[in-house]
Amino acid sequence: MATGNTVTKTPVDELRAFELATRDLVGVALRSLDDLEVTLPQFRLLALLQEQGRCTSTHCAKELGVAGSSVTRLADRLHASGHLVRVADPSNRRIVALELTPQGRKLVQQATARRRRELSRVLDQIDPAQRAACATVLATLHERFQDGSGDQPRRAPL
């Protein structure tokens, strides 16, 4: 933690609390996909398209941190299942973009609603002042990851 010119090391118990929270939140994300008939990598692509709109496969690969061939395989499966379509660029027919179908948008919305329900169920049991303080810290943590303070570049939503 940096305060002015002073740098302090995060205590182990605080670090452990964030590790546990990470595990719990990933669990919420994974459970939100139960019975939705898509894999986590497929969902990540759908969530990226929901967030950014129509994108090329190359852009999706960069944002997801995967090879272009991986996005092609994911898109093949999601196109076959009706969750996305491939759209030719009118100015350059060699460029193909990916776009969600209504079915794909609905799936992302279902997963998001499941996550919010589970989070709300737990958060509603926490004192409002503690919940607000935690939300402030989480927002700061998010900012630090976004501004390059984290070790890894930003990746598409989970």
Protein backbone atom coordinates (compact mmCIF):
# COMPACT_ATOMS: atom_id res chain seq x y z
CA MET A 1 0.00 0.00 0.00
CA ALA A 2 1.37 3.42 -0.88
CA THR A 3 0.67 6.48 1.24
CA GLY A 4 2.56 9.55 0.10
CA ASN A 5 6.17 8.40 -0.18
CA THR A 6 5.69 5.50 2.24
CA VAL A 7 5.14 1.95 0.99
CA THR A 8 3.83 -0.70 3.35
CA LYS A 9 3.47 -4.40 2.79
CA THR A 10 -0.04 -5.85 2.95
CA PRO A 11 -0.46 -8.01 6.06
CA VAL A 12 -1.00 -11.72 5.38
CA ASP A 13 -4.45 -11.75 7.01
CA GLU A 14 -5.63 -8.92 4.73
CA LEU A 15 -4.17 -10.61 1.67
CA ARG A 16 -5.90 -13.87 2.66
CA ALA A 17 -9.23 -12.04 2.99
CA PHE A 18 -8.90 -10.75 -0.59
CA GLU A 19 -7.90 -14.21 -1.83
CA LEU A 20 -11.01 -15.71 -0.21
CA ALA A 21 -13.21 -12.96 -1.65
CA THR A 22 -11.73 -13.61 -5.09
CA ARG A 23 -12.54 -17.31 -4.80
CA ASP A 24 -16.07 -16.56 -3.60
CA LEU A 25 -16.74 -14.06 -6.39
CA VAL A 26 -15.40 -16.41 -9.06
CA GLY A 27 -17.73 -19.04 -7.63
CA VAL A 28 -20.67 -16.64 -8.05
CA ALA A 29 -19.61 -16.03 -11.66
CA LEU A 30 -19.29 -19.74 -12.42
CA ARG A 31 -22.61 -20.66 -10.76
CA SER A 32 -24.34 -17.99 -12.85
CA LEU A 33 -23.59 -20.13 -15.91
CA ASP A 34 -25.13 -23.33 -14.51
CA ASP A 35 -27.67 -24.79 -16.94
CA LEU A 36 -27.08 -22.08 -19.57
CA GLU A 37 -25.43 -24.51 -22.01
CA VAL A 38 -22.31 -22.45 -22.66
CA THR A 39 -18.78 -22.89 -21.39
CA LEU A 40 -16.91 -20.21 -19.48
CA PRO A 41 -14.74 -19.31 -22.51
CA GLN A 42 -17.88 -19.04 -24.66
CA PHE A 43 -19.54 -16.83 -22.06
CA ARG A 44 -16.49 -14.58 -21.91
CA LEU A 45 -16.81 -13.96 -25.64
CA LEU A 46 -20.54 -13.29 -25.35
CA ALA A 47 -19.97 -10.93 -22.40
CA LEU A 48 -17.31 -9.05 -24.37
CA LEU A 49 -19.68 -8.59 -27.29
CA GLN A 50 -22.44 -7.47 -24.90
CA GLU A 51 -20.08 -4.91 -23.40
CA GLN A 52 -18.43 -3.62 -26.59
CA GLY A 53 -20.92 -4.37 -29.34
CA ARG A 54 -19.93 -5.66 -32.77
CA CYS A 55 -16.21 -6.54 -32.86
CA THR A 56 -13.78 -8.28 -35.15
CA SER A 57 -12.39 -11.66 -34.14
CA THR A 58 -8.94 -10.07 -33.91
CA HIS A 59 -10.18 -7.46 -31.44
CA CYS A 60 -11.97 -10.14 -29.40
CA ALA A 61 -8.84 -12.28 -29.27
CA LYS A 62 -6.78 -9.35 -28.04
CA GLU A 63 -9.33 -8.39 -25.36
CA LEU A 64 -9.71 -11.99 -24.18
CA GLY A 65 -5.98 -12.63 -24.23
CA VAL A 66 -6.29 -15.68 -26.48
CA ALA A 67 -5.20 -16.72 -29.95
CA GLY A 68 -7.34 -15.75 -32.92
CA SER A 69 -7.94 -19.43 -33.69
CA SER A 70 -9.50 -19.84 -30.23
CA VAL A 71 -11.99 -17.06 -30.96
CA THR A 72 -12.77 -18.66 -34.31
CA ARG A 73 -13.59 -21.99 -32.62
CA LEU A 74 -15.68 -20.27 -29.92
CA ALA A 75 -17.52 -18.24 -32.56
CA ASP A 76 -18.18 -21.37 -34.64
CA ARG A 77 -19.90 -23.05 -31.68
CA LEU A 78 -21.79 -19.92 -30.63
CA HIS A 79 -22.92 -19.29 -34.21
CA ALA A 80 -24.15 -22.89 -34.46
CA SER A 81 -26.07 -22.52 -31.19
CA GLY A 82 -27.64 -19.24 -32.33
CA HIS A 83 -25.90 -16.95 -29.82
CA LEU A 84 -23.92 -14.83 -32.31
CA VAL A 85 -23.70 -14.04 -35.99
CA ARG A 86 -20.85 -13.13 -38.29
CA VAL A 87 -21.31 -9.85 -40.13
CA ALA A 88 -19.26 -8.70 -43.13
CA ASP A 89 -17.84 -5.18 -42.98
CA PRO A 90 -19.54 -3.21 -45.79
CA SER A 91 -16.33 -1.27 -46.52
CA ASN A 92 -14.08 -4.34 -46.59
CA ARG A 93 -15.70 -7.74 -47.16
CA ARG A 94 -12.53 -9.52 -45.96
CA ILE A 95 -13.20 -8.21 -42.44
CA VAL A 96 -15.78 -10.19 -40.52
CA ALA A 97 -17.21 -8.99 -37.24
CA LEU A 98 -19.02 -10.90 -34.52
CA GLU A 99 -22.30 -9.70 -33.08
CA LEU A 100 -24.71 -11.06 -30.48
CA THR A 101 -28.10 -12.35 -31.49
CA PRO A 102 -31.14 -11.69 -29.29
CA GLN A 103 -30.59 -15.21 -27.91
CA GLY A 104 -26.97 -14.33 -27.03
CA ARG A 105 -28.03 -11.09 -25.34
CA LYS A 106 -30.67 -12.96 -23.37
CA LEU A 107 -28.11 -15.50 -22.14
CA VAL A 108 -25.74 -12.77 -20.91
CA GLN A 109 -28.66 -11.02 -19.20
CA GLN A 110 -29.71 -14.28 -17.51
CA ALA A 111 -26.21 -14.87 -16.15
CA THR A 112 -25.98 -11.27 -14.95
CA ALA A 113 -29.36 -11.51 -13.22
CA ARG A 114 -28.30 -14.74 -11.48
CA ARG A 115 -25.11 -13.09 -10.24
CA ARG A 116 -26.99 -10.08 -8.94
CA ARG A 117 -29.53 -12.25 -7.13
CA GLU A 118 -26.82 -14.27 -5.40
CA LEU A 119 -24.77 -11.19 -4.51
CA SER A 120 -27.86 -9.35 -3.24
CA ARG A 121 -28.84 -12.31 -1.06
CA VAL A 122 -25.47 -12.16 0.69
CA LEU A 123 -24.98 -8.38 0.67
CA ASP A 124 -28.44 -7.79 2.16
CA GLN A 125 -27.19 -9.59 5.29
CA ILE A 126 -24.30 -7.13 5.82
CA ASP A 127 -24.57 -3.88 7.78
CA PRO A 128 -25.15 -1.04 5.26
CA ALA A 129 -22.16 0.99 6.54
CA GLN A 130 -19.82 -2.02 6.20
CA ARG A 131 -21.25 -2.79 2.77
CA ALA A 132 -20.67 0.81 1.62
CA ALA A 133 -17.10 0.80 2.95
CA CYS A 134 -16.41 -2.49 1.19
CA ALA A 135 -17.86 -1.14 -2.07
CA THR A 136 -15.56 1.88 -1.84
CA VAL A 137 -12.50 -0.34 -1.37
CA LEU A 138 -13.57 -2.59 -4.25
CA ALA A 139 -14.01 0.45 -6.52
CA THR A 140 -10.49 1.60 -5.61
CA LEU A 141 -9.12 -1.89 -6.25
CA HIS A 142 -10.81 -1.91 -9.66
CA GLU A 143 -9.28 1.49 -10.49
CA ARG A 144 -5.80 0.24 -9.58
CA PHE A 145 -6.15 -2.76 -11.88
CA GLN A 146 -7.45 -0.52 -14.68
CA ASP A 147 -4.71 2.08 -14.41
CA GLY A 148 -1.91 -0.43 -14.81
CA SER A 149 -1.09 -0.88 -11.12
CA GLY A 150 -1.91 -4.57 -11.48
CA ASP A 151 0.52 -7.02 -13.08
CA GLN A 152 -1.77 -8.01 -15.95
CA PRO A 153 -3.50 -6.01 -18.66
CA ARG A 154 -7.26 -5.63 -18.51
CA ARG A 155 -9.19 -8.69 -19.66
CA ALA A 156 -12.77 -9.15 -20.76
CA PRO A 157 -15.43 -9.78 -18.14
CA LEU A 158 -15.89 -13.16 -16.52
